[in-house]
Amino acid sequence: MNLLILILLIILIVGALPTWPYSARWGYGPSGGLGTVLIVLLVLVLAGVI
């Protein structure tokens, strides 16, 4: 389960980087969504669920 979460986070981080021309105009959407996912995961880890 932890490996799956790690792989998913790596994919999300790479996807949120505005390195391609078509994603440069997306703004803060992908990184904001990624931040939300990271905060939820942090809360779950601190609560001992994961």
Protein backbone atom coordinates (compact mmCIF):
# COMPACT_ATOMS: atom_id res chain seq x y z
CA MET A 1 0.00 0.00 0.00
CA ASN A 2 2.81 2.42 0.86
CA LEU A 3 4.56 1.65 -2.43
CA LEU A 4 1.36 2.39 -4.33
CA ILE A 5 0.98 5.73 -2.55
CA LEU A 6 4.62 6.60 -3.25
CA ILE A 7 4.27 5.81 -6.95
CA LEU A 8 1.05 7.84 -7.13
CA LEU A 9 2.73 10.83 -5.46
CA ILE A 10 5.68 10.69 -7.86
CA ILE A 11 3.31 10.64 -10.84
CA LEU A 12 1.34 13.58 -9.42
CA ILE A 13 4.49 15.61 -8.78
CA VAL A 14 5.77 15.05 -12.31
CA GLY A 15 2.33 15.85 -13.72
CA ALA A 16 2.07 19.11 -11.77
CA LEU A 17 5.34 20.52 -13.11
CA PRO A 18 4.64 23.05 -15.89
CA THR A 19 7.47 21.88 -18.13
CA TRP A 20 5.44 21.31 -21.27
CA PRO A 21 4.11 24.26 -23.32
CA TYR A 22 0.47 23.20 -23.12
CA SER A 23 0.56 22.94 -19.31
CA ALA A 24 2.16 26.34 -18.70
CA ARG A 25 -1.21 28.10 -18.82
CA TRP A 26 -2.89 25.75 -16.31
CA GLY A 27 -1.92 28.06 -13.46
CA TYR A 28 -1.97 26.84 -9.87
CA GLY A 29 -4.59 24.13 -10.40
CA PRO A 30 -2.40 21.02 -10.56
CA SER A 31 -0.05 22.12 -7.79
CA GLY A 32 -2.98 23.16 -5.59
CA GLY A 33 -4.61 19.77 -6.07
CA LEU A 34 -1.32 18.06 -5.31
CA GLY A 35 -0.92 20.14 -2.16
CA THR A 36 -4.37 19.07 -1.01
CA VAL A 37 -3.52 15.41 -1.59
CA LEU A 38 -0.26 15.81 0.32
CA ILE A 39 -2.00 17.46 3.27
CA VAL A 40 -4.60 14.68 3.43
CA LEU A 41 -1.87 12.03 3.31
CA LEU A 42 0.09 13.83 6.02
CA VAL A 43 -2.96 13.92 8.28
CA LEU A 44 -3.58 10.20 7.66
CA VAL A 45 0.04 9.35 8.44
CA LEU A 46 0.00 11.40 11.63
CA ALA A 47 -3.30 9.80 12.67
CA GLY A 48 -1.77 6.36 12.17
CA VAL A 49 -4.19 5.22 9.49
CA ILE A 50 -1.43 4.70 6.94
